[in-house]
PDB file of N, CA and C in Angstrom:
ATOM      1  N   MET A   1     -43.614   8.113   4.127  1.00  0.00           N
ATOM      2  CA  MET A   1     -44.729   8.854   3.832  1.00  0.00           C
ATOM      3  C   MET A   1     -45.470   8.401   3.220  1.00  0.00           C
ATOM      4  N   PRO A   2     -46.502   8.343   3.203  1.00  0.00           N
ATOM      5  CA  PRO A   2     -47.617   8.449   1.824  1.00  0.00           C
ATOM      6  C   PRO A   2     -47.838   9.705   1.217  1.00  0.00           C
ATOM      7  N   ALA A   3     -48.177   9.689   0.095  1.00  0.00           N
ATOM      8  CA  ALA A   3     -48.053  10.678  -0.703  1.00  0.00           C
ATOM      9  C   ALA A   3     -49.486  11.615  -0.104  1.00  0.00           C
ATOM     10  N   VAL A   4     -49.830  12.539  -0.055  1.00  0.00           N
ATOM     11  CA  VAL A   4     -51.147  13.666  -0.701  1.00  0.00           C
ATOM     12  C   VAL A   4     -51.728  13.391  -1.241  1.00  0.00           C
ATOM     13  N   SER A   5     -53.134  12.996  -1.249  1.00  0.00           N
ATOM     14  CA  SER A   5     -54.081  12.946  -2.410  1.00  0.00           C
ATOM     15  C   SER A   5     -55.018  13.458  -2.130  1.00  0.00           C
ATOM     16  N   GLY A   6     -55.955  13.804  -3.460  1.00  0.00           N
ATOM     17  CA  GLY A   6     -57.617  13.980  -2.905  1.00  0.00           C
ATOM     18  C   GLY A   6     -57.729  15.294  -2.481  1.00  0.00           C
ATOM     19  N   PHE A   7     -58.264  15.891  -1.525  1.00  0.00           N
ATOM     20  CA  PHE A   7     -58.695  17.186  -1.654  1.00  0.00           C
ATOM     21  C   PHE A   7     -57.446  17.684  -1.102  1.00  0.00           C
ATOM     22  N   PHE A   8     -56.569  16.902   0.031  1.00  0.00           N
ATOM     23  CA  PHE A   8     -55.995  17.637   0.705  1.00  0.00           C
ATOM     24  C   PHE A   8     -54.591  17.836  -0.413  1.00  0.00           C
ATOM     25  N   ALA A   9     -54.241  17.318  -1.660  1.00  0.00           N
ATOM     26  CA  ALA A   9     -53.479  17.200  -2.801  1.00  0.00           C
ATOM     27  C   ALA A   9     -54.118  18.747  -3.450  1.00  0.00           C
ATOM     28  N   ARG A  10     -55.221  18.903  -3.949  1.00  0.00           N
ATOM     29  CA  ARG A  10     -55.799  19.964  -4.176  1.00  0.00           C
ATOM     30  C   ARG A  10     -55.542  21.477  -3.589  1.00  0.00           C
ATOM     31  N   ALA A  11     -56.067  21.276  -2.286  1.00  0.00           N
ATOM     32  CA  ALA A  11     -55.484  22.501  -1.413  1.00  0.00           C
ATOM     33  C   ALA A  11     -54.402  22.753  -1.703  1.00  0.00           C
ATOM     34  N   ALA A  12     -53.197  21.835  -1.219  1.00  0.00           N
ATOM     35  CA  ALA A  12     -51.853  22.423  -1.052  1.00  0.00           C
ATOM     36  C   ALA A  12     -51.283  22.888  -2.581  1.00  0.00           C
ATOM     37  N   ASP A  13     -51.869  22.401  -3.439  1.00  0.00           N
ATOM     38  CA  ASP A  13     -51.815  22.863  -4.846  1.00  0.00           C
ATOM     39  C   ASP A  13     -52.214  24.096  -5.121  1.00  0.00           C
ATOM     40  N   TRP A  14     -53.243  24.353  -4.612  1.00  0.00           N
ATOM     41  CA  TRP A  14     -54.043  26.103  -4.620  1.00  0.00           C
ATOM     42  C   TRP A  14     -53.388  26.830  -3.809  1.00  0.00           C
ATOM     43  N   LEU A  15     -52.446  26.586  -2.713  1.00  0.00           N
ATOM     44  CA  LEU A  15     -52.066  27.308  -1.741  1.00  0.00           C
ATOM     45  C   LEU A  15     -50.654  27.747  -2.826  1.00  0.00           C
ATOM     46  N   GLU A  16     -50.170  26.996  -3.344  1.00  0.00           N
ATOM     47  CA  GLU A  16     -48.468  26.754  -3.954  1.00  0.00           C
ATOM     48  C   GLU A  16     -48.837  27.754  -4.900  1.00  0.00           C
ATOM     49  N   PHE A  17     -49.608  27.310  -6.286  1.00  0.00           N
ATOM     50  CA  PHE A  17     -49.867  27.876  -7.358  1.00  0.00           C
ATOM     51  C   PHE A  17     -50.950  28.880  -7.646  1.00  0.00           C
ATOM     52  N   GLY A  18     -51.945  29.049  -6.557  1.00  0.00           N
ATOM     53  CA  GLY A  18     -53.210  30.021  -6.754  1.00  0.00           C
ATOM     54  C   GLY A  18     -54.155  28.982  -7.435  1.00  0.00           C
ATOM     55  N   ARG A  19     -55.145  30.017  -7.438  1.00  0.00           N
ATOM     56  CA  ARG A  19     -56.647  28.916  -7.683  1.00  0.00           C
ATOM     57  C   ARG A  19     -56.409  28.367  -9.191  1.00  0.00           C
ATOM     58  N   PRO A  20     -57.152  27.284  -9.626  1.00  0.00           N
ATOM     59  CA  PRO A  20     -57.125  26.738 -11.236  1.00  0.00           C
ATOM     60  C   PRO A  20     -57.974  27.988 -11.869  1.00  0.00           C
ATOM     61  N   ALA A  21     -58.293  27.332 -13.114  1.00  0.00           N
ATOM     62  CA  ALA A  21     -58.913  28.515 -14.265  1.00  0.00           C
ATOM     63  C   ALA A  21     -60.377  28.223 -13.604  1.00  0.00           C
ATOM     64  N   ASP A  22     -60.940  29.064 -13.847  1.00  0.00           N
ATOM     65  CA  ASP A  22     -62.462  28.721 -13.490  1.00  0.00           C
ATOM     66  C   ASP A  22     -63.437  28.876 -14.643  1.00  0.00           C
ATOM     67  N   ASP A  23     -62.845  27.931 -15.498  1.00  0.00           N
ATOM     68  CA  ASP A  23     -63.493  27.653 -16.688  1.00  0.00           C
ATOM     69  C   ASP A  23     -64.563  26.325 -16.867  1.00  0.00           C
ATOM     70  N   GLY A  24     -64.441  25.527 -15.687  1.00  0.00           N
ATOM     71  CA  GLY A  24     -65.011  24.315 -15.726  1.00  0.00           C
ATOM     72  C   GLY A  24     -66.208  24.326 -15.141  1.00  0.00           C
ATOM     73  N   PRO A  25     -67.323  23.423 -14.898  1.00  0.00           N
ATOM     74  CA  PRO A  25     -68.673  23.202 -14.656  1.00  0.00           C
ATOM     75  C   PRO A  25     -68.416  23.849 -12.575  1.00  0.00           C
ATOM     76  N   MET A  26     -69.209  24.571 -12.303  1.00  0.00           N
ATOM     77  CA  MET A  26     -69.464  25.239 -10.985  1.00  0.00           C
ATOM     78  C   MET A  26     -70.749  25.085 -10.558  1.00  0.00           C
ATOM     79  N   CYS A  27     -70.985  24.173  -8.934  1.00  0.00           N
ATOM     80  CA  CYS A  27     -72.154  23.689  -8.610  1.00  0.00           C
ATOM     81  C   CYS A  27     -71.976  24.568  -7.695  1.00  0.00           C
ATOM     82  N   VAL A  28     -73.492  25.385  -7.171  1.00  0.00           N
ATOM     83  CA  VAL A  28     -73.651  26.122  -6.257  1.00  0.00           C
ATOM     84  C   VAL A  28     -73.518  25.814  -4.847  1.00  0.00           C
ATOM     85  N   HIS A  29     -73.705  23.863  -4.561  1.00  0.00           N
ATOM     86  CA  HIS A  29     -73.609  23.521  -3.321  1.00  0.00           C
ATOM     87  C   HIS A  29     -72.043  22.681  -3.085  1.00  0.00           C
ATOM     88  N   HIS A  30     -71.357  22.993  -4.040  1.00  0.00           N
ATOM     89  CA  HIS A  30     -70.145  22.126  -4.025  1.00  0.00           C
ATOM     90  C   HIS A  30     -68.776  22.899  -4.549  1.00  0.00           C
ATOM     91  N   GLY A  31     -69.110  24.002  -5.173  1.00  0.00           N
ATOM     92  CA  GLY A  31     -67.954  24.544  -6.188  1.00  0.00           C
ATOM     93  C   GLY A  31     -67.683  23.879  -6.830  1.00  0.00           C
ATOM     94  N   PRO A  32     -66.343  23.951  -7.613  1.00  0.00           N
ATOM     95  CA  PRO A  32     -65.878  22.851  -8.392  1.00  0.00           C
ATOM     96  C   PRO A  32     -65.728  21.469  -8.347  1.00  0.00           C
ATOM     97  N   ALA A  33     -65.807  21.463  -7.067  1.00  0.00           N
ATOM     98  CA  ALA A  33     -65.735  19.725  -6.049  1.00  0.00           C
ATOM     99  C   ALA A  33     -66.392  18.634  -6.842  1.00  0.00           C
ATOM    100  N   CYS A  34     -67.468  19.128  -7.213  1.00  0.00           N
ATOM    101  CA  CYS A  34     -68.096  17.887  -8.154  1.00  0.00           C
ATOM    102  C   CYS A  34     -68.286  17.693  -9.612  1.00  0.00           C
ATOM    103  N   ALA A  35     -68.017  18.691 -10.078  1.00  0.00           N
ATOM    104  CA  ALA A  35     -68.088  18.890 -11.563  1.00  0.00           C
ATOM    105  C   ALA A  35     -69.379  18.885 -12.026  1.00  0.00           C
ATOM    106  N   MET A  36     -70.465  19.236 -11.318  1.00  0.00           N
ATOM    107  CA  MET A  36     -71.774  19.418 -11.661  1.00  0.00           C
ATOM    108  C   MET A  36     -72.545  17.537 -11.411  1.00  0.00           C
ATOM    109  N   GLY A  37     -71.901  16.985 -10.610  1.00  0.00           N
ATOM    110  CA  GLY A  37     -71.985  15.477 -10.447  1.00  0.00           C
ATOM    111  C   GLY A  37     -71.598  14.576 -10.964  1.00  0.00           C
ATOM    112  N   ALA A  38     -71.050  15.021 -12.175  1.00  0.00           N
ATOM    113  CA  ALA A  38     -69.891  14.328 -13.200  1.00  0.00           C
ATOM    114  C   ALA A  38     -68.723  13.704 -12.056  1.00  0.00           C
ATOM    115  N   GLU A  39     -68.071  13.880 -11.052  1.00  0.00           N
ATOM    116  CA  GLU A  39     -67.005  13.440 -10.450  1.00  0.00           C
ATOM    117  C   GLU A  39     -67.952  13.572  -8.909  1.00  0.00           C
ATOM    118  N   PRO A  40     -67.145  11.999  -8.403  1.00  0.00           N
ATOM    119  CA  PRO A  40     -67.504  11.838  -6.663  1.00  0.00           C
ATOM    120  C   PRO A  40     -66.867  12.887  -5.947  1.00  0.00           C
ATOM    121  N   LEU A  41     -67.759  13.439  -5.065  1.00  0.00           N
ATOM    122  CA  LEU A  41     -66.962  14.237  -3.795  1.00  0.00           C
ATOM    123  C   LEU A  41     -66.049  13.556  -3.360  1.00  0.00           C
ATOM    124  N   ASP A  42     -64.848  14.226  -2.769  1.00  0.00           N
ATOM    125  CA  ASP A  42     -63.892  13.420  -2.122  1.00  0.00           C
ATOM    126  C   ASP A  42     -64.296  12.775  -0.813  1.00  0.00           C
ATOM    127  N   GLU A  43     -63.938  11.879  -0.279  1.00  0.00           N
ATOM    128  CA  GLU A  43     -64.308  11.198   0.724  1.00  0.00           C
ATOM    129  C   GLU A  43     -64.180  12.410   2.014  1.00  0.00           C
ATOM    130  N   ILE A  44     -63.124  13.018   2.207  1.00  0.00           N
ATOM    131  CA  ILE A  44     -62.912  14.174   3.541  1.00  0.00           C
ATOM    132  C   ILE A  44     -64.424  15.240   3.451  1.00  0.00           C
ATOM    133  N   TYR A  45     -64.503  15.258   1.793  1.00  0.00           N
ATOM    134  CA  TYR A  45     -65.803  16.321   1.929  1.00  0.00           C
ATOM    135  C   TYR A  45     -66.983  15.892   2.416  1.00  0.00           C
ATOM    136  N   VAL A  46     -67.115  14.938   1.880  1.00  0.00           N
ATOM    137  CA  VAL A  46     -68.418  14.112   2.521  1.00  0.00           C
ATOM    138  C   VAL A  46     -68.719  13.916   4.108  1.00  0.00           C
ATOM    139  N   MET A  47     -67.408  13.359   4.684  1.00  0.00           N
ATOM    140  CA  MET A  47     -67.209  13.407   5.954  1.00  0.00           C
ATOM    141  C   MET A  47     -67.524  14.758   6.763  1.00  0.00           C
ATOM    142  N   VAL A  48     -66.888  15.436   6.178  1.00  0.00           N
ATOM    143  CA  VAL A  48     -67.026  17.146   6.906  1.00  0.00           C
ATOM    144  C   VAL A  48     -68.814  17.412   6.974  1.00  0.00           C
ATOM    145  N   ILE A  49     -69.238  17.276   5.621  1.00  0.00           N
ATOM    146  CA  ILE A  49     -70.544  17.710   5.786  1.00  0.00           C
ATOM    147  C   ILE A  49     -71.694  16.977   6.337  1.00  0.00           C
ATOM    148  N   ARG A  50     -71.326  15.436   6.268  1.00  0.00           N
ATOM    149  CA  ARG A  50     -72.258  14.737   7.210  1.00  0.00           C
ATOM    150  C   ARG A  50     -71.807  15.064   8.794  1.00  0.00           C
ATOM    151  N   ALA A  51     -70.796  14.922   9.383  1.00  0.00           N
ATOM    152  CA  ALA A  51     -70.326  15.635  10.610  1.00  0.00           C
ATOM    153  C   ALA A  51     -70.734  17.311  10.930  1.00  0.00           C
ATOM    154  N   LYS A  52     -70.980  18.153   9.923  1.00  0.00           N
ATOM    155  CA  LYS A  52     -71.730  19.178  10.426  1.00  0.00           C
ATOM    156  C   LYS A  52     -73.504  18.827  10.272  1.00  0.00           C
ATOM    157  N   GLN A  53     -73.547  18.034   9.648  1.00  0.00           N
ATOM    158  CA  GLN A  53     -75.106  18.074   9.688  1.00  0.00           C
ATOM    159  C   GLN A  53     -75.726  17.230  10.887  1.00  0.00           C
ATOM    160  N   ARG A  54     -74.779  16.116  11.373  1.00  0.00           N
ATOM    161  CA  ARG A  54     -74.903  15.881  12.780  1.00  0.00           C
ATOM    162  C   ARG A  54     -74.823  16.733  13.715  1.00  0.00           C
ATOM    163  N   ALA A  55     -74.009  17.655  13.806  1.00  0.00           N
ATOM    164  CA  ALA A  55     -73.775  18.988  14.737  1.00  0.00           C
ATOM    165  C   ALA A  55     -75.197  19.948  14.269  1.00  0.00           C
ATOM    166  N   GLY A  56     -75.421  19.623  13.934  1.00  0.00           N
ATOM    167  CA  GLY A  56     -77.155  20.760  13.299  1.00  0.00           C
ATOM    168  C   GLY A  56     -76.888  21.699  12.744  1.00  0.00           C
ATOM    169  N   GLN A  57     -75.683  21.558  12.076  1.00  0.00           N
ATOM    170  CA  GLN A  57     -75.374  23.057  11.306  1.00  0.00           C
ATOM    171  C   GLN A  57     -76.130  22.728   9.703  1.00  0.00           C
ATOM    172  N   ASP A  58     -76.370  24.001   9.029  1.00  0.00           N
ATOM    173  CA  ASP A  58     -76.817  24.268   7.610  1.00  0.00           C
ATOM    174  C   ASP A  58     -75.664  23.314   6.638  1.00  0.00           C
ATOM    175  N   VAL A  59     -75.937  22.702   5.907  1.00  0.00           N
ATOM    176  CA  VAL A  59     -74.335  21.825   5.193  1.00  0.00           C
ATOM    177  C   VAL A  59     -75.294  21.986   3.726  1.00  0.00           C
ATOM    178  N   PRO A  60     -74.645  22.033   2.751  1.00  0.00           N
ATOM    179  CA  PRO A  60     -75.346  21.740   1.161  1.00  0.00           C
ATOM    180  C   PRO A  60     -75.730  20.307   0.917  1.00  0.00           C
ATOM    181  N   PRO A  61     -76.636  19.867   0.005  1.00  0.00           N
ATOM    182  CA  PRO A  61     -76.967  18.383  -0.212  1.00  0.00           C
ATOM    183  C   PRO A  61     -76.183  17.920  -0.567  1.00  0.00           C
ATOM    184  N   LEU A  62     -75.443  16.693  -0.719  1.00  0.00           N
ATOM    185  CA  LEU A  62     -74.872  16.042  -1.348  1.00  0.00           C
ATOM    186  C   LEU A  62     -75.182  15.477  -2.582  1.00  0.00           C
ATOM    187  N   ASP A  63     -76.339  15.374  -2.942  1.00  0.00           N
ATOM    188  CA  ASP A  63     -76.852  14.847  -4.097  1.00  0.00           C
ATOM    189  C   ASP A  63     -77.977  15.688  -5.216  1.00  0.00           C
ATOM    190  N   GLU A  64     -77.542  16.802  -4.885  1.00  0.00           N
ATOM    191  CA  GLU A  64     -78.127  17.822  -5.763  1.00  0.00           C
ATOM    192  C   GLU A  64     -76.761  19.020  -6.321  1.00  0.00           C
ATOM    193  N   HIS A  65     -77.252  19.060  -7.719  1.00  0.00           N
ATOM    194  CA  HIS A  65     -76.320  19.718  -8.146  1.00  0.00           C
ATOM    195  C   HIS A  65     -77.202  21.167  -8.924  1.00  0.00           C
ATOM    196  N   ARG A  66     -76.549  22.373  -8.834  1.00  0.00           N
ATOM    197  CA  ARG A  66     -77.234  23.480  -9.604  1.00  0.00           C
ATOM    198  C   ARG A  66     -76.163  24.091 -10.020  1.00  0.00           C
ATOM    199  N   PRO A  67     -75.854  24.521 -11.376  1.00  0.00           N
ATOM    200  CA  PRO A  67     -75.238  25.546 -11.900  1.00  0.00           C
ATOM    201  C   PRO A  67     -75.219  26.490 -11.101  1.00  0.00           C
ATOM    202  N   MET A  68     -73.580  27.422 -10.691  1.00  0.00           N
ATOM    203  CA  MET A  68     -73.939  28.912 -10.073  1.00  0.00           C
ATOM    204  C   MET A  68     -73.813  29.848 -11.742  1.00  0.00           C
ATOM    205  N   THR A  69     -74.909  30.805 -10.977  1.00  0.00           N
ATOM    206  CA  THR A  69     -75.125  31.985 -12.306  1.00  0.00           C
ATOM    207  C   THR A  69     -73.642  32.853 -12.239  1.00  0.00           C
ATOM    208  N   LEU A  70     -73.733  33.873 -13.546  1.00  0.00           N
ATOM    209  CA  LEU A  70     -72.022  34.412 -12.944  1.00  0.00           C
ATOM    210  C   LEU A  70     -71.882  34.887 -12.234  1.00  0.00           C
ATOM    211  N   ALA A  71     -72.957  35.445 -11.792  1.00  0.00           N
ATOM    212  CA  ALA A  71     -72.415  36.540  -9.848  1.00  0.00           C
ATOM    213  C   ALA A  71     -72.155  35.651  -9.146  1.00  0.00           C
ATOM    214  N   GLU A  72     -72.882  34.506  -8.795  1.00  0.00           N
ATOM    215  CA  GLU A  72     -72.565  33.884  -7.799  1.00  0.00           C
ATOM    216  C   GLU A  72     -70.874  32.862  -8.069  1.00  0.00           C
ATOM    217  N   ARG A  73     -70.823  32.937  -9.297  1.00  0.00           N
ATOM    218  CA  ARG A  73     -69.248  32.035  -9.701  1.00  0.00           C
ATOM    219  C   ARG A  73     -68.224  33.425  -9.099  1.00  0.00           C
ATOM    220  N   ALA A  74     -68.574  34.459  -9.473  1.00  0.00           N
ATOM    221  CA  ALA A  74     -67.615  35.902  -9.435  1.00  0.00           C
ATOM    222  C   ALA A  74     -67.427  36.067  -7.824  1.00  0.00           C
ATOM    223  N   GLN A  75     -68.650  35.876  -7.162  1.00  0.00           N
ATOM    224  CA  GLN A  75     -68.261  35.987  -5.560  1.00  0.00           C
ATOM    225  C   GLN A  75     -67.666  34.588  -4.952  1.00  0.00           C
ATOM    226  N   TYR A  76     -68.184  33.622  -5.776  1.00  0.00           N
ATOM    227  CA  TYR A  76     -67.205  32.278  -5.173  1.00  0.00           C
ATOM    228  C   TYR A  76     -65.885  32.715  -5.121  1.00  0.00           C
ATOM    229  N   TRP A  77     -65.083  32.877  -6.186  1.00  0.00           N
ATOM    230  CA  TRP A  77     -63.927  33.074  -6.448  1.00  0.00           C
ATOM    231  C   TRP A  77     -63.481  34.315  -5.924  1.00  0.00           C
ATOM    232  N   ARG A  78     -64.031  35.447  -5.717  1.00  0.00           N
ATOM    233  CA  ARG A  78     -63.310  36.254  -4.753  1.00  0.00           C
ATOM    234  C   ARG A  78     -63.284  36.129  -3.171  1.00  0.00           C
ATOM    235  N   GLU A  79     -64.442  35.373  -2.896  1.00  0.00           N
ATOM    236  CA  GLU A  79     -64.460  34.407  -1.490  1.00  0.00           C
ATOM    237  C   GLU A  79     -63.354  33.489  -1.205  1.00  0.00           C
ATOM    238  N   PHE A  80     -62.993  32.841  -2.294  1.00  0.00           N
ATOM    239  CA  PHE A  80     -61.799  31.899  -2.458  1.00  0.00           C
ATOM    240  C   PHE A  80     -60.289  32.709  -2.416  1.00  0.00           C
ATOM    241  N   GLU A  81     -60.459  33.601  -3.558  1.00  0.00           N
ATOM    242  CA  GLU A  81     -58.864  34.850  -3.104  1.00  0.00           C
ATOM    243  C   GLU A  81     -58.958  35.164  -1.877  1.00  0.00           C
ATOM    244  N   GLU A  82     -60.028  35.732  -0.868  1.00  0.00           N
ATOM    245  CA  GLU A  82     -59.568  36.382   0.050  1.00  0.00           C
ATOM    246  C   GLU A  82     -59.004  35.011   1.209  1.00  0.00           C
ATOM    247  N   ALA A  83     -59.975  33.918   0.916  1.00  0.00           N
ATOM    248  CA  ALA A  83     -59.255  33.051   1.924  1.00  0.00           C
ATOM    249  C   ALA A  83     -57.874  32.545   1.677  1.00  0.00           C
ATOM    250  N   LEU A  84     -57.640  32.296   0.226  1.00  0.00           N
ATOM    251  CA  LEU A  84     -55.923  31.888   0.187  1.00  0.00           C
ATOM    252  C   LEU A  84     -55.268  32.946   0.339  1.00  0.00           C
ATOM    253  N   ALA A  85     -55.413  34.311   0.286  1.00  0.00           N
ATOM    254  CA  ALA A  85     -54.618  35.470   0.901  1.00  0.00           C
ATOM    255  C   ALA A  85     -54.322  35.422   2.515  1.00  0.00           C
ATOM    256  N   GLU A  86     -55.624  34.813   3.273  1.00  0.00           N
ATOM    257  CA  GLU A  86     -55.418  34.733   4.378  1.00  0.00           C
ATOM    258  C   GLU A  86     -54.677  33.562   5.175  1.00  0.00           C
ATOM    259  N   ALA A  87     -54.649  32.261   4.504  1.00  0.00           N
ATOM    260  CA  ALA A  87     -53.958  31.202   4.488  1.00  0.00           C
ATOM    261  C   ALA A  87     -52.451  31.429   4.276  1.00  0.00           C
ATOM    262  N   LYS A  88     -52.259  32.090   2.925  1.00  0.00           N
ATOM    263  CA  LYS A  88     -50.523  32.347   2.837  1.00  0.00           C
ATOM    264  C   LYS A  88     -50.287  33.015   4.007  1.00  0.00           C
ATOM    265  N   ALA A  89     -51.084  34.527   4.408  1.00  0.00           N
ATOM    266  CA  ALA A  89     -50.508  35.215   5.091  1.00  0.00           C
ATOM    267  C   ALA A  89     -50.309  34.678   6.543  1.00  0.00           C
ATOM    268  N   LYS A  90     -50.992  33.825   6.864  1.00  0.00           N
ATOM    269  CA  LYS A  90     -50.811  32.890   8.198  1.00  0.00           C
ATOM    270  C   LYS A  90     -49.695  31.852   7.843  1.00  0.00           C
ATOM    271  N   ASN A  91     -49.595  31.322   7.082  1.00  0.00           N
ATOM    272  CA  ASN A  91     -48.380  30.516   6.476  1.00  0.00           C
ATOM    273  C   ASN A  91     -47.216  31.195   6.614  1.00  0.00           C
ATOM    274  N   ALA A  92     -47.179  32.306   6.455  1.00  0.00           N
ATOM    275  CA  ALA A  92     -46.039  33.094   6.423  1.00  0.00           C
ATOM    276  C   ALA A  92     -45.417  33.826   7.914  1.00  0.00           C
ATOM    277  N   GLN A  93     -46.596  33.688   8.417  1.00  0.00           N
ATOM    278  CA  GLN A  93     -46.059  34.138  10.027  1.00  0.00           C
ATOM    279  C   GLN A  93     -45.898  32.967  10.466  1.00  0.00           C
ATOM    280  N   ALA A  94     -46.607  31.882  10.424  1.00  0.00           N
ATOM    281  CA  ALA A  94     -45.603  30.616  11.098  1.00  0.00           C
ATOM    282  C   ALA A  94     -44.562  30.528  10.878  1.00  0.00           C
ATOM    283  N   GLU A  95     -44.192  30.546   9.556  1.00  0.00           N
ATOM    284  CA  GLU A  95     -42.789  30.199   8.970  1.00  0.00           C
ATOM    285  C   GLU A  95     -41.634  31.211   9.491  1.00  0.00           C
ATOM    286  N   ALA A  96     -41.831  32.535   9.899  1.00  0.00           N
ATOM    287  CA  ALA A  96     -41.302  33.479  10.339  1.00  0.00           C
ATOM    288  C   ALA A  96     -41.130  33.168  11.358  1.00  0.00           C
ATOM    289  N   GLU A  97     -41.983  32.795  12.497  1.00  0.00           N
ATOM    290  CA  GLU A  97     -41.864  32.658  13.771  1.00  0.00           C
ATOM    291  C   GLU A  97     -41.057  31.083  14.049  1.00  0.00           C
ATOM    292  N   ILE A  98     -41.122  30.480  13.031  1.00  0.00           N
ATOM    293  CA  ILE A  98     -40.142  29.135  13.169  1.00  0.00           C
ATOM    294  C   ILE A  98     -38.693  29.444  12.772  1.00  0.00           C
ATOM    295  N   TRP A  99     -38.284  30.561  11.909  1.00  0.00           N
ATOM    296  CA  TRP A  99     -36.924  30.920  11.481  1.00  0.00           C
ATOM    297  C   TRP A  99     -36.540  31.648  12.990  1.00  0.00           C
ATOM    298  N   ALA A 100     -37.527  32.670  13.418  1.00  0.00           N
ATOM    299  CA  ALA A 100     -37.001  33.394  14.267  1.00  0.00           C
ATOM    300  C   ALA A 100     -36.804  32.274  15.667  1.00  0.00           C
ATOM    301  N   GLY A 101     -37.254  31.865  15.387  1.00  0.00           N
ATOM    302  CA  GLY A 101     -36.895  30.570  16.923  1.00  0.00           C
ATOM    303  C   GLY A 101     -35.620  29.926  16.837  1.00  0.00           C
ATOM    304  N   GLY A 102     -34.856  29.766  15.333  1.00  0.00           N
ATOM    305  CA  GLY A 102     -34.045  29.109  15.170  1.00  0.00           C
ATOM    306  C   GLY A 102     -34.309  27.464  14.664  1.00  0.00           C
ATOM    307  N   LEU A 103     -35.428  27.332  14.424  1.00  0.00           N
ATOM    308  CA  LEU A 103     -35.459  25.656  14.273  1.00  0.00           C
ATOM    309  C   LEU A 103     -35.020  25.380  12.601  1.00  0.00           C
TER     310      LEU A 103
END
């Protein structure tokens, strides 16, 4: 089985170990994903943005970067922590259901 890499590896690490330190550059459009344009966006991220764009949804521009203000940064991490807690709770529930079923 191939090793998990890129976006999925990062997401798995965040689920397992919590969010990374928030001292790096944060883009208002892409969060920590682009390092303010210094790193290319993961292919899966670009694919999702383009699919949403084709579906007529509002999406962040892929080629624009703006640093987050302190307030935007605080809100970003608040929302991140809430989403992470929700994902962990769902995973725990699914695991409990699996174990209850004797698998």
